[in-house]
Amino acid sequence: MQQSFSKQKYTIATPIESANHLGTDGFTCRDNWWSNHRFNLVLNFLPSNSMRQSLLDFGCGNGLWLRFLRRNNCPLSLTGYDPFFMSYASDASPRDLCIHTNLNDLKGKEYDCITALDVIEHIHNDKQALMQIGVHLKTGGNLLLTVPAYPLLFSRHDAVIGHYRRYTRRSITELLEESGYTVLHATYFFSFLVPLAAARKYYLLLCKNYHCASTPVDPLKIFSVLTSIESKFLRLTNFYLPLGTSIFAAAQKIKSGGG
């Protein structure tokens, strides 16, 4: 239902168009308050006994998450995969990161932890993608992912950056369970952005021509303050919020072969 809703109203950008938008105009692949808040949340769920363990960032974009982990002295062995890696910003150099652009390069390899941060909403068949991820995840290993929340917030902006859908906490939980995982934790976050996302959707309905226009990386410093407050609140509530424009889920692979 979510997918048909979006396709009835909007033309979804192709993967290469999406990569070009995100690599040039979008700020999701840049070091800023939005990315850092998301990364810090995921960081709390990485394996605690991480020595000699491996992490694959599936759909790594320009490698921003891998660079974040490196800056924070993460002891995990880090690998990235993204078929559109070279379409992102020029600062994404494969020479200083282990990033594969061909899925065949991962054949026969399994990882202790896989992250997929704002990835599966860009894939037409999200269940198939989750099962493919499971092929490269050790049984008992953890998948950590983030996705955009609330189908009702789906807007022209989503279509331009290649989103096929947005999720609810319940729908992403059910999808993960159907794909061979057991969900360990799931929460909304970016709660303070909900009214702004709703306003953006209806504003864009009035815009006849919308391109993912360049915007300041950090439009309002208040957002950095708000993410700091939300981070503290997440810790106080054992990492659970009842609403937000994004969803974080931690899941464990329970079936051999990813489903």
Protein backbone atom coordinates (compact mmCIF):
# COMPACT_ATOMS: atom_id res chain seq x y z
CA MET A 1 0.00 0.00 0.00
CA GLN A 2 2.79 2.41 0.86
CA GLN A 3 4.57 1.74 -2.40
CA SER A 4 1.47 2.12 -4.60
CA PHE A 5 0.53 5.32 -2.77
CA SER A 6 3.87 6.91 -3.62
CA LYS A 7 3.94 5.74 -7.24
CA GLN A 8 0.42 7.02 -7.92
CA LYS A 9 1.40 10.57 -6.99
CA TYR A 10 5.08 10.85 -7.89
CA THR A 11 7.70 9.60 -10.29
CA ILE A 12 10.42 7.96 -8.23
CA ALA A 13 13.98 8.91 -9.16
CA THR A 14 16.15 6.11 -10.52
CA PRO A 15 19.02 4.88 -8.30
CA ILE A 16 21.61 6.81 -10.30
CA GLU A 17 19.50 9.99 -10.20
CA SER A 18 19.01 9.52 -6.47
CA ALA A 19 22.75 9.07 -5.92
CA ASN A 20 23.48 12.23 -7.91
CA HIS A 21 20.94 14.24 -5.90
CA LEU A 22 22.22 12.96 -2.56
CA GLY A 23 25.85 13.38 -3.57
CA THR A 24 25.49 17.01 -4.62
CA ASP A 25 22.44 18.78 -3.21
CA GLY A 26 21.26 16.62 -0.33
CA PHE A 27 22.83 16.89 3.12
CA THR A 28 22.20 13.28 4.15
CA CYS A 29 25.68 12.30 2.96
CA ARG A 30 27.46 15.14 4.76
CA ASP A 31 28.91 15.56 8.21
CA ASN A 32 26.22 17.55 10.04
CA TRP A 33 23.73 17.47 12.90
CA TRP A 34 21.35 15.12 11.05
CA SER A 35 23.94 12.50 10.19
CA ASN A 36 25.75 12.69 13.52
CA HIS A 37 22.55 12.23 15.56
CA ARG A 38 21.66 9.16 13.51
CA PHE A 39 25.20 7.77 13.79
CA ASN A 40 25.40 8.30 17.54
CA LEU A 41 22.14 6.40 18.01
CA VAL A 42 23.36 3.44 15.95
CA LEU A 43 26.73 3.50 17.70
CA ASN A 44 25.03 2.46 20.96
CA PHE A 45 23.97 -0.85 19.39
CA LEU A 46 27.25 -1.98 17.87
CA PRO A 47 28.71 -5.24 19.27
CA SER A 48 30.14 -4.56 22.73
CA ASN A 49 32.80 -7.24 22.32
CA SER A 50 33.98 -5.87 19.00
CA MET A 51 37.59 -7.06 18.86
CA ARG A 52 38.20 -9.10 15.69
CA GLN A 53 34.60 -8.64 14.59
CA SER A 54 33.55 -7.31 11.21
CA LEU A 55 31.02 -4.75 10.02
CA LEU A 56 29.59 -4.28 6.54
CA ASP A 57 27.84 -1.01 5.74
CA PHE A 58 25.35 -2.04 3.05
CA GLY A 59 24.50 0.93 0.84
CA CYS A 60 27.31 3.00 2.31
CA GLY A 61 26.88 6.02 0.01
CA ASN A 62 30.08 8.06 0.17
CA GLY A 63 31.35 6.21 3.26
CA LEU A 64 30.35 8.85 5.79
CA TRP A 65 29.28 6.31 8.44
CA LEU A 66 32.51 4.34 8.00
CA ARG A 67 34.52 7.54 8.43
CA PHE A 68 32.53 8.35 11.57
CA LEU A 69 33.38 4.93 13.01
CA ARG A 70 37.03 5.40 12.18
CA ARG A 71 37.11 8.82 13.87
CA ASN A 72 35.57 7.23 16.96
CA ASN A 73 38.26 4.52 17.04
CA CYS A 74 35.85 1.68 16.34
CA PRO A 75 37.83 -1.59 16.58
CA LEU A 76 35.58 -3.42 14.11
CA SER A 77 36.95 -4.43 10.72
CA LEU A 78 35.09 -2.00 8.39
CA THR A 79 33.82 -2.72 4.88
CA GLY A 80 31.37 -0.85 2.69
CA TYR A 81 29.21 -1.75 -0.32
CA ASP A 82 27.41 0.62 -2.66
CA PRO A 83 26.97 0.10 -6.42
CA PHE A 84 26.63 3.87 -6.90
CA PHE A 85 29.62 4.83 -4.77
CA MET A 86 31.32 6.79 -7.56
CA SER A 87 28.17 8.90 -8.14
CA TYR A 88 28.50 10.60 -4.76
CA ALA A 89 30.60 13.62 -3.81
CA SER A 90 34.22 13.74 -4.95
CA ASP A 91 35.49 13.47 -1.36
CA ALA A 92 34.38 9.82 -1.39
CA SER A 93 37.72 8.27 -2.26
CA PRO A 94 37.93 4.47 -2.39
CA ARG A 95 41.63 4.63 -1.59
CA ASP A 96 41.21 5.18 2.14
CA LEU A 97 38.15 2.96 2.67
CA CYS A 98 37.41 -0.65 1.80
CA ILE A 99 34.33 -0.12 -0.36
CA HIS A 100 33.00 -2.55 -2.96
CA THR A 101 30.80 -1.51 -5.86
CA ASN A 102 30.08 -5.02 -7.14
CA LEU A 103 27.93 -7.37 -5.06
CA ASN A 104 29.91 -10.33 -6.39
CA ASP A 105 32.87 -9.05 -4.38
CA LEU A 106 30.95 -10.03 -1.25
CA LYS A 107 30.21 -13.55 -2.45
CA GLY A 108 30.90 -16.10 0.27
CA LYS A 109 31.63 -13.44 2.89
CA GLU A 110 29.72 -13.13 6.17
CA TYR A 111 29.91 -10.32 8.72
CA ASP A 112 29.22 -10.09 12.44
CA CYS A 113 27.20 -6.88 12.00
CA ILE A 114 25.63 -5.17 9.00
CA THR A 115 24.33 -1.61 8.92
CA ALA A 116 21.88 -0.29 6.34
CA LEU A 117 21.27 3.36 7.16
CA ASP A 118 18.47 4.88 5.10
CA VAL A 119 18.93 2.29 2.37
CA ILE A 120 16.01 -0.11 1.90
CA GLU A 121 13.49 2.67 1.19
CA HIS A 122 15.51 3.28 -2.00
CA ILE A 123 15.01 -0.32 -3.17
CA HIS A 124 11.87 -1.39 -5.03
CA ASN A 125 11.68 -4.79 -3.33
CA ASP A 126 12.71 -4.11 0.26
CA LYS A 127 12.03 -7.65 1.48
CA GLN A 128 14.31 -9.11 -1.18
CA ALA A 129 16.99 -6.59 -0.17
CA LEU A 130 16.76 -7.61 3.50
CA MET A 131 17.06 -11.26 2.55
CA GLN A 132 20.08 -10.46 0.38
CA ILE A 133 21.66 -8.64 3.32
CA GLY A 134 21.00 -11.73 5.43
CA VAL A 135 23.10 -13.84 3.07
CA HIS A 136 26.13 -11.85 4.19
CA LEU A 137 25.24 -11.77 7.90
CA LYS A 138 26.37 -14.52 10.25
CA THR A 139 23.56 -16.42 11.96
CA GLY A 140 23.06 -14.62 15.26
CA GLY A 141 24.63 -11.46 13.83
CA ASN A 142 22.92 -8.09 14.10
CA LEU A 143 21.41 -5.88 11.41
CA LEU A 144 21.13 -2.21 12.35
CA LEU A 145 19.05 -0.04 10.07
CA THR A 146 17.32 3.30 9.80
CA VAL A 147 14.41 4.21 7.54
CA PRO A 148 12.17 7.26 7.05
CA ALA A 149 8.92 7.17 9.03
CA TYR A 150 5.22 7.66 8.33
CA PRO A 151 3.73 6.95 4.87
CA LEU A 152 1.54 10.05 5.29
CA LEU A 153 4.68 12.19 5.20
CA PHE A 154 5.70 10.87 1.78
CA SER A 155 6.31 13.93 -0.40
CA ARG A 156 7.84 15.03 -3.68
CA HIS A 157 11.15 15.34 -1.84
CA ASP A 158 11.05 11.59 -1.13
CA ALA A 159 10.46 10.85 -4.80
CA VAL A 160 13.28 13.12 -5.97
CA ILE A 161 15.82 11.39 -3.71
CA GLY A 162 14.60 7.93 -4.74
CA HIS A 163 12.38 6.83 -1.84
CA TYR A 164 9.77 4.22 -2.73
CA ARG A 165 8.12 4.33 0.68
CA ARG A 166 8.19 5.40 4.31
CA TYR A 167 7.53 3.04 7.23
CA THR A 168 5.86 2.75 10.59
CA ARG A 169 7.48 1.02 13.55
CA ARG A 170 5.03 -1.82 13.11
CA SER A 171 5.56 -2.21 9.36
CA ILE A 172 9.37 -2.33 9.57
CA THR A 173 9.14 -4.82 12.45
CA GLU A 174 6.84 -7.09 10.45
CA LEU A 175 9.03 -6.78 7.34
CA LEU A 176 12.14 -7.77 9.26
CA GLU A 177 10.40 -10.76 10.82
CA GLU A 178 9.16 -11.90 7.40
CA SER A 179 12.73 -11.61 6.07
CA GLY A 180 14.34 -13.96 8.60
CA TYR A 181 15.18 -11.70 11.52
CA THR A 182 13.98 -11.25 15.07
CA VAL A 183 13.62 -7.62 16.12
CA LEU A 184 15.55 -6.72 19.26
CA HIS A 185 14.71 -3.02 19.40
CA ALA A 186 12.86 -0.40 17.38
CA THR A 187 12.20 3.27 18.00
CA TYR A 188 11.28 6.47 16.25
CA PHE A 189 13.69 9.40 16.43
CA PHE A 190 13.97 12.96 15.10
CA SER A 191 10.72 13.63 16.95
CA PHE A 192 11.09 17.42 16.65
CA LEU A 193 11.13 17.22 12.84
CA VAL A 194 7.61 15.76 12.50
CA PRO A 195 5.78 19.12 12.16
CA LEU A 196 8.46 20.43 9.80
CA ALA A 197 8.22 17.34 7.59
CA ALA A 198 4.44 17.72 7.44
CA ALA A 199 4.78 21.38 6.52
CA ARG A 200 7.32 20.50 3.81
CA LYS A 201 5.00 17.95 2.25
CA TYR A 202 2.14 20.40 1.82
CA TYR A 203 4.43 23.22 0.74
CA LEU A 204 5.85 21.01 -2.02
CA LEU A 205 2.33 20.22 -3.22
CA LEU A 206 2.15 23.89 -4.19
CA CYS A 207 5.48 23.83 -6.04
CA LYS A 208 5.08 22.86 -9.69
CA ASN A 209 8.78 22.30 -10.29
CA TYR A 210 10.84 20.90 -7.46
CA HIS A 211 14.47 19.93 -7.66
CA CYS A 212 16.51 18.87 -4.66
CA ALA A 213 17.80 22.40 -4.28
CA SER A 214 21.04 23.09 -2.50
CA THR A 215 20.50 24.10 1.11
CA PRO A 216 22.89 25.04 3.89
CA VAL A 217 24.30 21.96 5.57
CA ASP A 218 23.28 23.25 8.98
CA PRO A 219 20.33 25.59 8.33
CA LEU A 220 19.62 26.26 12.00
CA LYS A 221 22.00 25.72 14.90
CA ILE A 222 18.96 25.03 17.04
CA PHE A 223 18.74 21.61 15.35
CA SER A 224 22.07 20.65 16.89
CA VAL A 225 20.71 21.61 20.30
CA LEU A 226 17.51 19.65 19.72
CA THR A 227 19.37 16.52 18.66
CA SER A 228 21.47 16.78 21.82
CA ILE A 229 18.32 16.99 23.94
CA GLU A 230 16.74 14.07 22.09
CA SER A 231 19.89 11.97 22.57
CA LYS A 232 19.71 12.48 26.32
CA PHE A 233 15.99 11.69 26.33
CA LEU A 234 16.58 8.49 24.34
CA ARG A 235 19.02 7.31 26.99
CA LEU A 236 16.57 8.13 29.78
CA THR A 237 13.81 6.13 28.05
CA ASN A 238 16.06 3.15 27.20
CA PHE A 239 16.25 4.33 23.58
CA TYR A 240 12.57 4.55 22.84
CA LEU A 241 10.50 7.42 21.45
CA PRO A 242 6.85 7.11 20.33
CA LEU A 243 7.20 9.39 17.27
CA GLY A 244 9.75 10.81 14.86
CA THR A 245 10.52 11.24 11.17
CA SER A 246 12.92 8.28 11.22
CA ILE A 247 12.94 4.77 12.66
CA PHE A 248 15.89 2.84 14.02
CA ALA A 249 15.69 -0.95 14.31
CA ALA A 250 18.12 -3.54 15.62
CA ALA A 251 17.46 -7.09 14.45
CA GLN A 252 19.19 -10.45 14.71
CA LYS A 253 19.48 -13.02 11.93
CA ILE A 254 17.74 -16.21 12.97
CA LYS A 255 17.57 -18.13 9.69
CA SER A 256 20.44 -19.56 7.68
CA GLY A 257 20.84 -17.93 4.28
CA GLY A 258 18.99 -14.71 5.13
CA GLY A 259 15.51 -16.19 4.96
